[in-house]
Amino acid sequence: NIIENLNIEYLNNNKKINQLINNEDNNIFLFIGRYPLYLSGEYFNNREGALEEYGGGILADFYKSSQIDDINNKLKLKETLKSQINTSFEKILKNNYLILVYPVPEVGFHVPKEIFKKYTYNKNDFLKKLNKDKYILTTSYDVYLERNKEVFELFDGIQNKNLYRFYPHKLFCNDKLKNRCITQDHDAVYYKDYNHLSYYGASIFVDNIFQDILLEVLENR
């Protein structure tokens, strides 16, 4: 039974969390994950011609199986996940601090491969466009918001004085380009594949968490 397997996996992970929680108070936890994939069971479609390839995993295997035809199973799994997320956060926030990272913008295509493809197809045009526009590969900010609506509602519903929120989309979306999420700049790419940040992208991410949130958490400990 997929729900039973999920519960077993959750309980095993929860034991590790409980060990950390029970060792001492005032720990700082940072939670990040592909919550839109977990809740929807659908890999990212950027609605501009790019659809992320199947990546596997217990949840993905379930959604890809024939059980997906049973809407009750899908809803049951989604509610199970929401409940487990809330339970984990409640336990952590009782005597610890939690930095909750909202969804990182997904892309739908392999960014380095797409950059290389465009470069090799017409090097001169690529360099001209890069020097002129700087941001060659982008995705829709509106699609990001729609894709993550349920995740935002879930996270926004969690209230606690020890909870700190970090919004990666503010680094990559609707800033440099209106209503677009960027995947690279003139110097480097932000992603190493369809959704994982590259070292360069991750460094931007980590620097902002440290400056905007972690220092405040450490002051309040």
N, C-alpha and C. Protein backbone atom coordinates (compact mmCIF):
# COMPACT_ATOMS: atom_id res chain seq x y z
N ASN A 1 0.85 -1.19 0.00
CA ASN A 1 0.00 0.00 0.00
C ASN A 1 0.88 1.24 0.00
N ILE A 2 0.66 2.12 -0.94
CA ILE A 2 1.55 3.28 -1.08
C ILE A 2 1.49 4.19 0.13
N ILE A 3 0.32 4.36 0.72
CA ILE A 3 0.20 5.23 1.89
C ILE A 3 0.97 4.64 3.06
N GLU A 4 0.88 3.31 3.23
CA GLU A 4 1.63 2.66 4.32
C GLU A 4 3.12 2.81 4.09
N ASN A 5 3.58 2.62 2.85
CA ASN A 5 5.01 2.79 2.55
C ASN A 5 5.46 4.21 2.81
N LEU A 6 4.61 5.16 2.44
CA LEU A 6 4.94 6.56 2.67
C LEU A 6 5.04 6.85 4.16
N ASN A 7 4.10 6.28 4.93
CA ASN A 7 4.13 6.48 6.38
C ASN A 7 5.39 5.88 7.00
N ILE A 8 5.82 4.72 6.50
CA ILE A 8 7.03 4.09 7.01
C ILE A 8 8.24 4.97 6.72
N GLU A 9 8.31 5.48 5.49
CA GLU A 9 9.42 6.36 5.12
C GLU A 9 9.40 7.63 5.96
N TYR A 10 8.20 8.17 6.16
CA TYR A 10 8.06 9.37 6.98
C TYR A 10 8.49 9.10 8.41
N LEU A 11 8.07 7.97 8.98
CA LEU A 11 8.42 7.66 10.36
C LEU A 11 9.92 7.48 10.53
N ASN A 12 10.57 6.86 9.53
CA ASN A 12 12.02 6.70 9.60
C ASN A 12 12.73 8.05 9.59
N ASN A 13 12.27 8.94 8.70
CA ASN A 13 12.84 10.29 8.66
C ASN A 13 12.52 11.06 9.93
N ASN A 14 11.32 10.82 10.45
CA ASN A 14 10.88 11.53 11.65
C ASN A 14 11.71 11.13 12.86
N LYS A 15 12.19 9.90 12.90
CA LYS A 15 13.04 9.45 14.00
C LYS A 15 14.32 10.28 14.03
N LYS A 16 14.87 10.55 12.85
CA LYS A 16 16.09 11.35 12.78
C LYS A 16 15.82 12.77 13.28
N ILE A 17 14.67 13.31 12.87
CA ILE A 17 14.29 14.66 13.32
C ILE A 17 14.11 14.67 14.82
N ASN A 18 13.42 13.65 15.35
CA ASN A 18 13.17 13.59 16.79
C ASN A 18 14.47 13.49 17.58
N GLN A 19 15.44 12.75 17.04
CA GLN A 19 16.73 12.64 17.72
C GLN A 19 17.39 14.00 17.84
N LEU A 20 17.33 14.77 16.77
CA LEU A 20 17.92 16.11 16.80
C LEU A 20 17.16 17.02 17.76
N ILE A 21 15.82 16.92 17.74
CA ILE A 21 15.00 17.77 18.59
C ILE A 21 15.22 17.44 20.06
N ASN A 22 15.35 16.16 20.36
CA ASN A 22 15.45 15.73 21.75
C ASN A 22 16.83 15.92 22.34
N ASN A 23 17.83 16.07 21.49
CA ASN A 23 19.20 16.23 22.00
C ASN A 23 19.36 17.53 22.77
N GLU A 24 18.83 18.59 22.24
CA GLU A 24 18.93 19.89 22.89
C GLU A 24 17.96 20.86 22.22
N ASP A 25 17.68 21.95 22.91
CA ASP A 25 16.79 22.96 22.37
C ASP A 25 17.58 24.00 21.58
N ASN A 26 16.83 24.89 20.95
CA ASN A 26 17.41 26.02 20.21
C ASN A 26 18.24 25.62 19.01
N ASN A 27 17.92 24.45 18.42
CA ASN A 27 18.54 24.10 17.15
C ASN A 27 17.92 24.96 16.05
N ILE A 28 18.63 25.09 14.95
CA ILE A 28 18.11 25.80 13.79
C ILE A 28 17.92 24.79 12.66
N PHE A 29 16.68 24.60 12.24
CA PHE A 29 16.35 23.69 11.15
C PHE A 29 16.03 24.50 9.90
N LEU A 30 16.48 23.99 8.76
CA LEU A 30 16.15 24.61 7.47
C LEU A 30 15.47 23.55 6.61
N PHE A 31 14.26 23.83 6.17
CA PHE A 31 13.50 22.88 5.36
C PHE A 31 13.39 23.40 3.93
N ILE A 32 13.77 22.56 2.99
CA ILE A 32 13.64 22.88 1.58
C ILE A 32 13.30 21.60 0.84
N GLY A 33 12.42 21.70 -0.15
CA GLY A 33 12.04 20.51 -0.90
C GLY A 33 11.21 20.89 -2.12
N ARG A 34 10.91 19.89 -2.94
CA ARG A 34 10.11 20.13 -4.14
C ARG A 34 8.63 19.91 -3.80
N TYR A 35 8.12 20.78 -2.99
CA TYR A 35 6.76 20.63 -2.49
C TYR A 35 5.70 20.65 -3.59
N PRO A 36 5.82 21.45 -4.64
CA PRO A 36 4.79 21.39 -5.69
C PRO A 36 4.73 20.02 -6.37
N LEU A 37 5.90 19.36 -6.52
CA LEU A 37 5.93 18.01 -7.08
C LEU A 37 5.30 17.03 -6.10
N TYR A 38 5.64 17.17 -4.80
CA TYR A 38 5.11 16.25 -3.80
C TYR A 38 3.59 16.30 -3.74
N LEU A 39 3.05 17.50 -3.80
CA LEU A 39 1.61 17.66 -3.62
C LEU A 39 0.81 17.39 -4.90
N SER A 40 1.39 17.68 -6.04
CA SER A 40 0.66 17.51 -7.30
C SER A 40 0.95 16.18 -7.98
N GLY A 41 2.17 15.65 -7.74
CA GLY A 41 2.57 14.43 -8.43
C GLY A 41 2.92 14.66 -9.88
N GLU A 42 3.05 15.91 -10.29
CA GLU A 42 3.31 16.24 -11.68
C GLU A 42 4.65 16.96 -11.82
N TYR A 43 5.49 16.43 -12.72
CA TYR A 43 6.73 17.13 -13.01
C TYR A 43 6.42 18.42 -13.77
N PHE A 44 7.34 19.35 -13.72
CA PHE A 44 7.04 20.71 -14.14
C PHE A 44 6.88 20.86 -15.65
N ASN A 45 5.80 21.50 -16.03
CA ASN A 45 5.54 21.90 -17.40
C ASN A 45 5.51 23.42 -17.42
N ASN A 46 6.47 24.04 -18.09
CA ASN A 46 6.54 25.51 -18.03
C ASN A 46 5.55 26.20 -18.99
N ARG A 47 4.78 25.37 -19.71
CA ARG A 47 3.73 25.86 -20.61
C ARG A 47 4.26 26.73 -21.74
N GLU A 48 5.54 26.58 -21.98
CA GLU A 48 6.16 27.29 -23.10
C GLU A 48 6.98 26.32 -23.94
N GLY A 49 6.58 25.04 -23.86
CA GLY A 49 7.23 24.02 -24.69
C GLY A 49 8.21 23.12 -23.97
N ALA A 50 8.41 23.33 -22.68
CA ALA A 50 9.38 22.52 -21.94
C ALA A 50 8.67 21.73 -20.84
N LEU A 51 8.88 20.42 -20.83
CA LEU A 51 8.29 19.53 -19.83
C LEU A 51 9.41 18.72 -19.19
N GLU A 52 9.53 18.81 -17.88
CA GLU A 52 10.59 18.12 -17.16
C GLU A 52 10.45 16.61 -17.30
N GLU A 53 11.57 15.95 -17.43
CA GLU A 53 11.58 14.49 -17.54
C GLU A 53 11.30 13.84 -16.20
N TYR A 54 10.72 12.64 -16.25
CA TYR A 54 10.42 11.85 -15.05
C TYR A 54 11.70 11.54 -14.29
N GLY A 55 11.67 11.78 -12.97
CA GLY A 55 12.88 11.62 -12.18
C GLY A 55 12.86 10.50 -11.16
N GLY A 56 11.74 9.81 -10.99
CA GLY A 56 11.69 8.69 -10.06
C GLY A 56 11.46 9.09 -8.62
N GLY A 57 11.47 8.11 -7.72
CA GLY A 57 11.21 8.33 -6.31
C GLY A 57 9.88 7.73 -5.90
N ILE A 58 9.68 7.51 -4.60
CA ILE A 58 8.49 6.81 -4.13
C ILE A 58 7.21 7.53 -4.51
N LEU A 59 7.19 8.86 -4.39
CA LEU A 59 5.98 9.60 -4.74
C LEU A 59 5.77 9.61 -6.25
N ALA A 60 6.83 9.84 -6.98
CA ALA A 60 6.73 9.88 -8.44
C ALA A 60 6.29 8.53 -8.98
N ASP A 61 6.82 7.45 -8.41
CA ASP A 61 6.43 6.11 -8.85
C ASP A 61 4.95 5.87 -8.63
N PHE A 62 4.44 6.35 -7.51
CA PHE A 62 3.02 6.19 -7.23
C PHE A 62 2.18 6.98 -8.23
N TYR A 63 2.53 8.23 -8.42
CA TYR A 63 1.73 9.07 -9.32
C TYR A 63 1.79 8.56 -10.75
N LYS A 64 2.91 7.94 -11.13
CA LYS A 64 3.07 7.44 -12.49
C LYS A 64 2.32 6.13 -12.69
N SER A 65 2.03 5.42 -11.61
CA SER A 65 1.39 4.11 -11.69
C SER A 65 -0.09 4.25 -12.02
N SER A 66 -0.74 3.10 -12.19
CA SER A 66 -2.17 3.10 -12.52
C SER A 66 -3.01 3.64 -11.38
N GLN A 67 -2.43 3.69 -10.16
CA GLN A 67 -3.19 4.18 -9.01
C GLN A 67 -3.57 5.65 -9.15
N ILE A 68 -2.89 6.34 -10.06
CA ILE A 68 -3.19 7.75 -10.25
C ILE A 68 -4.62 7.93 -10.74
N ASP A 69 -5.18 6.88 -11.36
CA ASP A 69 -6.55 6.96 -11.86
C ASP A 69 -7.57 7.03 -10.74
N ASP A 70 -7.13 6.62 -9.56
CA ASP A 70 -8.03 6.66 -8.40
C ASP A 70 -7.86 8.01 -7.72
N ILE A 71 -8.81 8.92 -7.95
CA ILE A 71 -8.70 10.27 -7.40
C ILE A 71 -8.69 10.26 -5.89
N ASN A 72 -9.37 9.29 -5.29
CA ASN A 72 -9.38 9.21 -3.83
C ASN A 72 -8.00 8.89 -3.28
N ASN A 73 -7.25 8.02 -3.98
CA ASN A 73 -5.88 7.72 -3.56
C ASN A 73 -5.00 8.96 -3.64
N LYS A 74 -5.17 9.72 -4.71
CA LYS A 74 -4.36 10.92 -4.90
C LYS A 74 -4.66 11.94 -3.81
N LEU A 75 -5.93 12.16 -3.52
CA LEU A 75 -6.31 13.12 -2.49
C LEU A 75 -5.85 12.63 -1.11
N LYS A 76 -5.95 11.33 -0.88
CA LYS A 76 -5.53 10.77 0.41
C LYS A 76 -4.03 10.98 0.61
N LEU A 77 -3.27 10.75 -0.45
CA LEU A 77 -1.82 10.93 -0.37
C LEU A 77 -1.48 12.39 -0.11
N LYS A 78 -2.17 13.29 -0.80
CA LYS A 78 -1.91 14.72 -0.62
C LYS A 78 -2.20 15.16 0.81
N GLU A 79 -3.32 14.72 1.35
CA GLU A 79 -3.67 15.09 2.72
C GLU A 79 -2.71 14.47 3.72
N THR A 80 -2.23 13.24 3.43
CA THR A 80 -1.24 12.60 4.29
C THR A 80 0.05 13.43 4.33
N LEU A 81 0.47 13.88 3.16
CA LEU A 81 1.69 14.69 3.08
C LEU A 81 1.53 16.00 3.83
N LYS A 82 0.41 16.66 3.65
CA LYS A 82 0.18 17.93 4.34
C LYS A 82 0.20 17.73 5.85
N SER A 83 -0.44 16.66 6.30
CA SER A 83 -0.49 16.38 7.74
C SER A 83 0.90 16.11 8.29
N GLN A 84 1.69 15.35 7.54
CA GLN A 84 3.04 15.01 7.99
C GLN A 84 3.94 16.24 8.02
N ILE A 85 3.79 17.11 7.04
CA ILE A 85 4.56 18.35 7.01
C ILE A 85 4.23 19.20 8.23
N ASN A 86 2.95 19.37 8.49
CA ASN A 86 2.52 20.17 9.65
C ASN A 86 3.00 19.57 10.97
N THR A 87 2.91 18.25 11.08
CA THR A 87 3.35 17.58 12.31
C THR A 87 4.84 17.78 12.55
N SER A 88 5.63 17.63 11.49
CA SER A 88 7.08 17.82 11.61
C SER A 88 7.41 19.25 12.04
N PHE A 89 6.75 20.22 11.41
CA PHE A 89 7.03 21.61 11.72
C PHE A 89 6.62 21.95 13.16
N GLU A 90 5.48 21.43 13.60
CA GLU A 90 5.02 21.69 14.96
C GLU A 90 6.02 21.17 15.99
N LYS A 91 6.55 19.97 15.76
CA LYS A 91 7.53 19.39 16.67
C LYS A 91 8.80 20.24 16.73
N ILE A 92 9.25 20.66 15.58
CA ILE A 92 10.47 21.46 15.52
C ILE A 92 10.28 22.80 16.22
N LEU A 93 9.17 23.46 15.93
CA LEU A 93 8.95 24.82 16.41
C LEU A 93 8.65 24.90 17.90
N LYS A 94 8.41 23.76 18.53
CA LYS A 94 8.10 23.78 19.96
C LYS A 94 9.25 24.37 20.76
N ASN A 95 10.49 23.95 20.45
CA ASN A 95 11.65 24.44 21.20
C ASN A 95 12.84 24.79 20.30
N ASN A 96 12.56 24.95 19.01
CA ASN A 96 13.64 25.21 18.06
C ASN A 96 13.22 26.28 17.06
N TYR A 97 14.15 26.64 16.20
CA TYR A 97 13.89 27.62 15.16
C TYR A 97 13.81 26.90 13.81
N LEU A 98 12.94 27.39 12.96
CA LEU A 98 12.76 26.79 11.64
C LEU A 98 12.83 27.86 10.56
N ILE A 99 13.74 27.65 9.60
CA ILE A 99 13.79 28.48 8.40
C ILE A 99 13.08 27.70 7.30
N LEU A 100 11.94 28.19 6.91
CA LEU A 100 11.11 27.50 5.92
C LEU A 100 11.35 28.13 4.55
N VAL A 101 11.91 27.33 3.65
CA VAL A 101 12.24 27.82 2.32
C VAL A 101 11.08 27.52 1.37
N TYR A 102 10.51 28.55 0.82
CA TYR A 102 9.43 28.39 -0.14
C TYR A 102 10.01 27.83 -1.45
N PRO A 103 9.16 27.35 -2.36
CA PRO A 103 9.66 26.64 -3.54
C PRO A 103 10.64 27.45 -4.41
N VAL A 104 11.72 26.79 -4.77
CA VAL A 104 12.65 27.33 -5.75
C VAL A 104 11.98 27.22 -7.13
N PRO A 105 12.03 28.25 -7.95
CA PRO A 105 11.40 28.16 -9.28
C PRO A 105 11.95 26.99 -10.09
N GLU A 106 11.05 26.17 -10.60
CA GLU A 106 11.43 25.08 -11.49
C GLU A 106 11.58 25.64 -12.91
N VAL A 107 12.25 24.88 -13.77
CA VAL A 107 12.55 25.39 -15.11
C VAL A 107 11.83 24.59 -16.20
N GLY A 108 11.92 23.26 -16.12
CA GLY A 108 11.27 22.43 -17.13
C GLY A 108 12.21 21.93 -18.21
N PHE A 109 13.39 22.55 -18.32
CA PHE A 109 14.41 22.09 -19.26
C PHE A 109 15.75 22.10 -18.56
N HIS A 110 16.70 21.34 -19.11
CA HIS A 110 18.05 21.23 -18.54
C HIS A 110 18.82 22.48 -18.95
N VAL A 111 19.03 23.38 -18.02
CA VAL A 111 19.57 24.71 -18.35
C VAL A 111 20.95 24.65 -19.02
N PRO A 112 21.94 23.99 -18.44
CA PRO A 112 23.26 23.97 -19.11
C PRO A 112 23.20 23.37 -20.52
N LYS A 113 22.42 22.31 -20.69
CA LYS A 113 22.31 21.68 -22.02
C LYS A 113 21.66 22.63 -23.02
N GLU A 114 20.64 23.35 -22.55
CA GLU A 114 19.94 24.27 -23.44
C GLU A 114 20.85 25.44 -23.82
N ILE A 115 21.63 25.92 -22.87
CA ILE A 115 22.61 26.98 -23.16
C ILE A 115 23.62 26.50 -24.20
N PHE A 116 24.14 25.30 -23.98
CA PHE A 116 25.13 24.73 -24.90
C PHE A 116 24.53 24.54 -26.29
N LYS A 117 23.28 24.10 -26.34
CA LYS A 117 22.61 23.89 -27.62
C LYS A 117 22.49 25.20 -28.40
N LYS A 118 22.06 26.25 -27.70
CA LYS A 118 21.92 27.55 -28.35
C LYS A 118 23.27 28.11 -28.79
N TYR A 119 24.29 27.87 -27.97
CA TYR A 119 25.63 28.37 -28.28
C TYR A 119 26.20 27.68 -29.52
N THR A 120 26.08 26.37 -29.58
CA THR A 120 26.66 25.61 -30.70
C THR A 120 25.85 25.79 -31.99
N TYR A 121 24.55 26.07 -31.86
CA TYR A 121 23.71 26.25 -33.05
C TYR A 121 24.11 27.51 -33.81
N ASN A 122 24.33 28.58 -33.07
CA ASN A 122 24.76 29.83 -33.73
C ASN A 122 25.50 30.68 -32.69
N LYS A 123 26.81 30.48 -32.64
CA LYS A 123 27.64 31.13 -31.63
C LYS A 123 27.53 32.65 -31.69
N ASN A 124 27.59 33.23 -32.87
CA ASN A 124 27.57 34.69 -33.00
C ASN A 124 26.25 35.28 -32.52
N ASP A 125 25.14 34.70 -32.94
CA ASP A 125 23.83 35.18 -32.50
C ASP A 125 23.66 35.03 -31.00
N PHE A 126 24.16 33.92 -30.48
CA PHE A 126 24.06 33.66 -29.04
C PHE A 126 24.79 34.75 -28.26
N LEU A 127 26.01 35.05 -28.65
CA LEU A 127 26.82 36.04 -27.93
C LEU A 127 26.23 37.44 -28.06
N LYS A 128 25.69 37.75 -29.24
CA LYS A 128 25.05 39.06 -29.43
C LYS A 128 23.85 39.21 -28.50
N LYS A 129 23.03 38.15 -28.44
CA LYS A 129 21.84 38.19 -27.59
C LYS A 129 22.23 38.26 -26.13
N LEU A 130 23.28 37.51 -25.74
CA LEU A 130 23.73 37.51 -24.36
C LEU A 130 24.23 38.89 -23.96
N ASN A 131 25.00 39.52 -24.81
CA ASN A 131 25.53 40.85 -24.50
C ASN A 131 24.45 41.91 -24.48
N LYS A 132 23.42 41.70 -25.30
CA LYS A 132 22.34 42.69 -25.38
C LYS A 132 21.31 42.51 -24.27
N ASP A 133 20.82 41.27 -24.13
CA ASP A 133 19.71 41.01 -23.21
C ASP A 133 20.14 40.44 -21.86
N LYS A 134 21.31 39.80 -21.83
CA LYS A 134 21.88 39.19 -20.62
C LYS A 134 21.14 37.92 -20.19
N TYR A 135 19.80 37.97 -20.19
CA TYR A 135 19.01 36.82 -19.74
C TYR A 135 18.38 36.14 -20.95
N ILE A 136 18.93 34.99 -21.34
CA ILE A 136 18.50 34.30 -22.55
C ILE A 136 17.39 33.31 -22.26
N LEU A 137 17.50 32.55 -21.18
CA LEU A 137 16.53 31.52 -20.85
C LEU A 137 15.72 31.94 -19.62
N THR A 138 14.43 32.10 -19.82
CA THR A 138 13.55 32.52 -18.71
C THR A 138 12.27 31.69 -18.73
N THR A 139 11.53 31.75 -17.63
CA THR A 139 10.24 31.07 -17.53
C THR A 139 9.21 32.05 -16.96
N SER A 140 7.95 31.64 -17.02
CA SER A 140 6.85 32.51 -16.61
C SER A 140 6.71 32.60 -15.09
N TYR A 141 6.66 33.80 -14.58
CA TYR A 141 6.42 34.02 -13.14
C TYR A 141 4.98 33.65 -12.79
N ASP A 142 4.04 33.93 -13.69
CA ASP A 142 2.63 33.57 -13.44
C ASP A 142 2.46 32.06 -13.30
N VAL A 143 3.18 31.31 -14.13
CA VAL A 143 3.12 29.85 -14.04
C VAL A 143 3.69 29.38 -12.70
N TYR A 144 4.77 30.01 -12.26
CA TYR A 144 5.34 29.69 -10.94
C TYR A 144 4.31 29.89 -9.83
N LEU A 145 3.63 31.04 -9.85
CA LEU A 145 2.66 31.35 -8.80
C LEU A 145 1.50 30.37 -8.81
N GLU A 146 1.03 30.03 -9.99
CA GLU A 146 -0.09 29.08 -10.10
C GLU A 146 0.34 27.69 -9.64
N ARG A 147 1.50 27.27 -10.05
CA ARG A 147 2.04 25.95 -9.70
C ARG A 147 2.19 25.81 -8.19
N ASN A 148 2.54 26.89 -7.52
CA ASN A 148 2.87 26.83 -6.09
C ASN A 148 1.79 27.40 -5.18
N LYS A 149 0.63 27.68 -5.71
CA LYS A 149 -0.45 28.27 -4.92
C LYS A 149 -0.78 27.44 -3.69
N GLU A 150 -0.91 26.14 -3.86
CA GLU A 150 -1.27 25.26 -2.75
C GLU A 150 -0.15 25.20 -1.71
N VAL A 151 1.09 25.22 -2.17
CA VAL A 151 2.22 25.19 -1.24
C VAL A 151 2.27 26.48 -0.42
N PHE A 152 2.06 27.61 -1.07
CA PHE A 152 2.05 28.90 -0.37
C PHE A 152 0.94 28.92 0.69
N GLU A 153 -0.22 28.42 0.33
CA GLU A 153 -1.33 28.39 1.28
C GLU A 153 -0.99 27.51 2.48
N LEU A 154 -0.36 26.38 2.24
CA LEU A 154 0.04 25.47 3.32
C LEU A 154 1.06 26.15 4.23
N PHE A 155 2.08 26.74 3.65
CA PHE A 155 3.14 27.37 4.43
C PHE A 155 2.65 28.63 5.14
N ASP A 156 1.84 29.42 4.45
CA ASP A 156 1.34 30.66 5.04
C ASP A 156 0.44 30.39 6.24
N GLY A 157 -0.14 29.20 6.27
CA GLY A 157 -1.03 28.85 7.37
C GLY A 157 -0.31 28.47 8.65
N ILE A 158 1.01 28.30 8.58
CA ILE A 158 1.81 27.94 9.75
C ILE A 158 2.31 29.22 10.42
N GLN A 159 1.93 29.41 11.65
CA GLN A 159 2.28 30.62 12.38
C GLN A 159 3.02 30.26 13.67
N ASN A 160 4.18 30.88 13.87
CA ASN A 160 4.95 30.63 15.09
C ASN A 160 6.05 31.69 15.17
N LYS A 161 6.34 32.15 16.37
CA LYS A 161 7.37 33.18 16.55
C LYS A 161 8.76 32.67 16.20
N ASN A 162 8.94 31.36 16.21
CA ASN A 162 10.25 30.79 15.88
C ASN A 162 10.39 30.40 14.42
N LEU A 163 9.39 30.79 13.63
CA LEU A 163 9.39 30.45 12.20
C LEU A 163 9.87 31.64 11.37
N TYR A 164 10.82 31.36 10.48
CA TYR A 164 11.34 32.38 9.56
C TYR A 164 11.14 31.87 8.13
N ARG A 165 10.71 32.76 7.26
CA ARG A 165 10.38 32.38 5.89
C ARG A 165 11.39 32.96 4.90
N PHE A 166 11.76 32.14 3.93
CA PHE A 166 12.67 32.58 2.88
C PHE A 166 12.03 32.30 1.53
N TYR A 167 12.05 33.29 0.64
CA TYR A 167 11.37 33.21 -0.64
C TYR A 167 12.38 33.26 -1.79
N PRO A 168 12.83 32.11 -2.29
CA PRO A 168 13.81 32.09 -3.38
C PRO A 168 13.34 32.78 -4.65
N HIS A 169 12.03 32.75 -4.90
CA HIS A 169 11.54 33.36 -6.14
C HIS A 169 11.80 34.87 -6.19
N LYS A 170 11.98 35.48 -5.03
CA LYS A 170 12.28 36.92 -5.02
C LYS A 170 13.68 37.20 -5.55
N LEU A 171 14.52 36.18 -5.57
CA LEU A 171 15.87 36.33 -6.13
C LEU A 171 15.88 36.17 -7.64
N PHE A 172 14.96 35.34 -8.15
CA PHE A 172 15.02 34.94 -9.55
C PHE A 172 13.84 35.40 -10.39
N CYS A 173 12.76 35.85 -9.77
CA CYS A 173 11.54 36.14 -10.52
C CYS A 173 11.06 37.59 -10.34
N ASN A 174 10.54 38.12 -11.44
CA ASN A 174 9.84 39.42 -11.41
C ASN A 174 10.71 40.54 -10.84
N ASP A 175 11.99 40.43 -11.05
CA ASP A 175 12.92 41.45 -10.55
C ASP A 175 13.75 42.00 -11.71
N LYS A 176 14.66 41.20 -12.20
CA LYS A 176 15.48 41.63 -13.34
C LYS A 176 14.62 41.80 -14.59
N LEU A 177 13.64 40.91 -14.75
CA LEU A 177 12.70 40.97 -15.87
C LEU A 177 11.28 40.85 -15.33
N LYS A 178 10.41 41.73 -15.73
CA LYS A 178 9.03 41.73 -15.25
C LYS A 178 8.30 40.46 -15.69
N ASN A 179 7.67 39.82 -14.70
CA ASN A 179 6.84 38.63 -14.93
C ASN A 179 7.62 37.44 -15.49
N ARG A 180 8.95 37.44 -15.32
CA ARG A 180 9.76 36.32 -15.78
C ARG A 180 10.69 35.86 -14.67
N CYS A 181 11.04 34.57 -14.72
CA CYS A 181 12.03 34.00 -13.81
C CYS A 181 13.28 33.68 -14.62
N ILE A 182 14.41 34.16 -14.16
CA ILE A 182 15.65 33.99 -14.92
C ILE A 182 16.39 32.73 -14.48
N THR A 183 17.19 32.17 -15.38
CA THR A 183 17.93 30.93 -15.10
C THR A 183 19.43 31.11 -15.21
N GLN A 184 19.86 32.30 -15.67
CA GLN A 184 21.30 32.57 -15.86
C GLN A 184 21.49 34.07 -15.99
N ASP A 185 22.74 34.46 -15.94
CA ASP A 185 23.08 35.84 -16.26
C ASP A 185 24.28 35.82 -17.21
N HIS A 186 24.94 36.94 -17.35
CA HIS A 186 26.05 37.03 -18.31
C HIS A 186 27.23 36.17 -17.88
N ASP A 187 27.34 35.88 -16.58
CA ASP A 187 28.52 35.20 -16.06
C ASP A 187 28.37 33.69 -15.88
N ALA A 188 27.18 33.24 -15.50
CA ALA A 188 27.02 31.82 -15.17
C ALA A 188 25.55 31.44 -15.16
N VAL A 189 25.31 30.11 -15.11
CA VAL A 189 23.94 29.60 -15.03
C VAL A 189 23.58 29.39 -13.56
N TYR A 190 22.31 29.55 -13.24
CA TYR A 190 21.83 29.39 -11.86
C TYR A 190 21.43 27.95 -11.54
N TYR A 191 21.21 27.14 -12.58
CA TYR A 191 20.74 25.76 -12.39
C TYR A 191 21.73 24.77 -13.01
N LYS A 192 21.80 23.59 -12.41
CA LYS A 192 22.65 22.55 -12.99
C LYS A 192 21.84 21.53 -13.78
N ASP A 193 20.50 21.60 -13.69
CA ASP A 193 19.64 20.73 -14.48
C ASP A 193 18.26 21.37 -14.61
N TYR A 194 17.21 20.60 -14.37
CA TYR A 194 15.84 21.08 -14.54
C TYR A 194 15.34 21.92 -13.37
N ASN A 195 15.88 21.64 -12.18
CA ASN A 195 15.35 22.33 -10.99
C ASN A 195 16.37 22.56 -9.89
N HIS A 196 17.51 21.84 -9.91
CA HIS A 196 18.52 22.00 -8.87
C HIS A 196 19.43 23.19 -9.18
N LEU A 197 19.68 23.99 -8.16
CA LEU A 197 20.57 25.13 -8.35
C LEU A 197 22.00 24.69 -8.56
N SER A 198 22.71 25.40 -9.40
CA SER A 198 24.14 25.17 -9.60
C SER A 198 24.89 25.73 -8.40
N TYR A 199 26.22 25.54 -8.40
CA TYR A 199 27.03 26.12 -7.32
C TYR A 199 26.86 27.63 -7.31
N TYR A 200 26.82 28.23 -8.48
CA TYR A 200 26.66 29.69 -8.59
C TYR A 200 25.29 30.12 -8.07
N GLY A 201 24.25 29.42 -8.52
CA GLY A 201 22.90 29.75 -8.06
C GLY A 201 22.74 29.51 -6.57
N ALA A 202 23.31 28.41 -6.09
CA ALA A 202 23.21 28.09 -4.67
C ALA A 202 23.94 29.12 -3.81
N SER A 203 25.05 29.66 -4.33
CA SER A 203 25.80 30.65 -3.56
C SER A 203 24.98 31.92 -3.38
N ILE A 204 24.23 32.31 -4.41
CA ILE A 204 23.32 33.45 -4.29
C ILE A 204 22.26 33.16 -3.25
N PHE A 205 21.71 31.97 -3.32
CA PHE A 205 20.69 31.50 -2.40
C PHE A 205 21.18 31.54 -0.95
N VAL A 206 22.33 30.92 -0.71
CA VAL A 206 22.88 30.82 0.65
C VAL A 206 23.27 32.19 1.20
N ASP A 207 23.88 33.02 0.37
CA ASP A 207 24.27 34.36 0.82
C ASP A 207 23.07 35.16 1.31
N ASN A 208 21.96 35.04 0.60
CA ASN A 208 20.76 35.79 0.97
C ASN A 208 20.11 35.22 2.23
N ILE A 209 20.12 33.91 2.38
CA ILE A 209 19.59 33.31 3.61
C ILE A 209 20.41 33.79 4.80
N PHE A 210 21.72 33.79 4.64
CA PHE A 210 22.60 34.20 5.74
C PHE A 210 22.37 35.66 6.10
N GLN A 211 22.34 36.52 5.11
CA GLN A 211 22.21 37.95 5.36
C GLN A 211 20.81 38.34 5.84
N ASP A 212 19.78 37.74 5.25
CA ASP A 212 18.41 38.16 5.53
C ASP A 212 17.78 37.47 6.72
N ILE A 213 18.20 36.23 7.00
CA ILE A 213 17.48 35.44 8.00
C ILE A 213 18.38 34.87 9.09
N LEU A 214 19.43 34.18 8.70
CA LEU A 214 20.22 33.45 9.69
C LEU A 214 20.81 34.37 10.75
N LEU A 215 21.28 35.52 10.37
CA LEU A 215 21.83 36.46 11.34
C LEU A 215 20.77 36.88 12.36
N GLU A 216 19.54 37.09 11.88
CA GLU A 216 18.43 37.46 12.77
C GLU A 216 18.10 36.31 13.72
N VAL A 217 18.10 35.07 13.20
CA VAL A 217 17.82 33.91 14.04
C VAL A 217 18.88 33.79 15.13
N LEU A 218 20.13 33.95 14.75
CA LEU A 218 21.21 33.81 15.73
C LEU A 218 21.12 34.89 16.81
N GLU A 219 20.69 36.08 16.44
CA GLU A 219 20.53 37.15 17.42
C GLU A 219 19.41 36.86 18.40
N ASN A 220 18.39 36.13 17.93
CA ASN A 220 17.22 35.85 18.78
C ASN A 220 17.34 34.57 19.58
N ARG A 221 18.38 33.78 19.33
CA ARG A 221 18.53 32.51 20.06
C ARG A 221 18.73 32.72 21.54
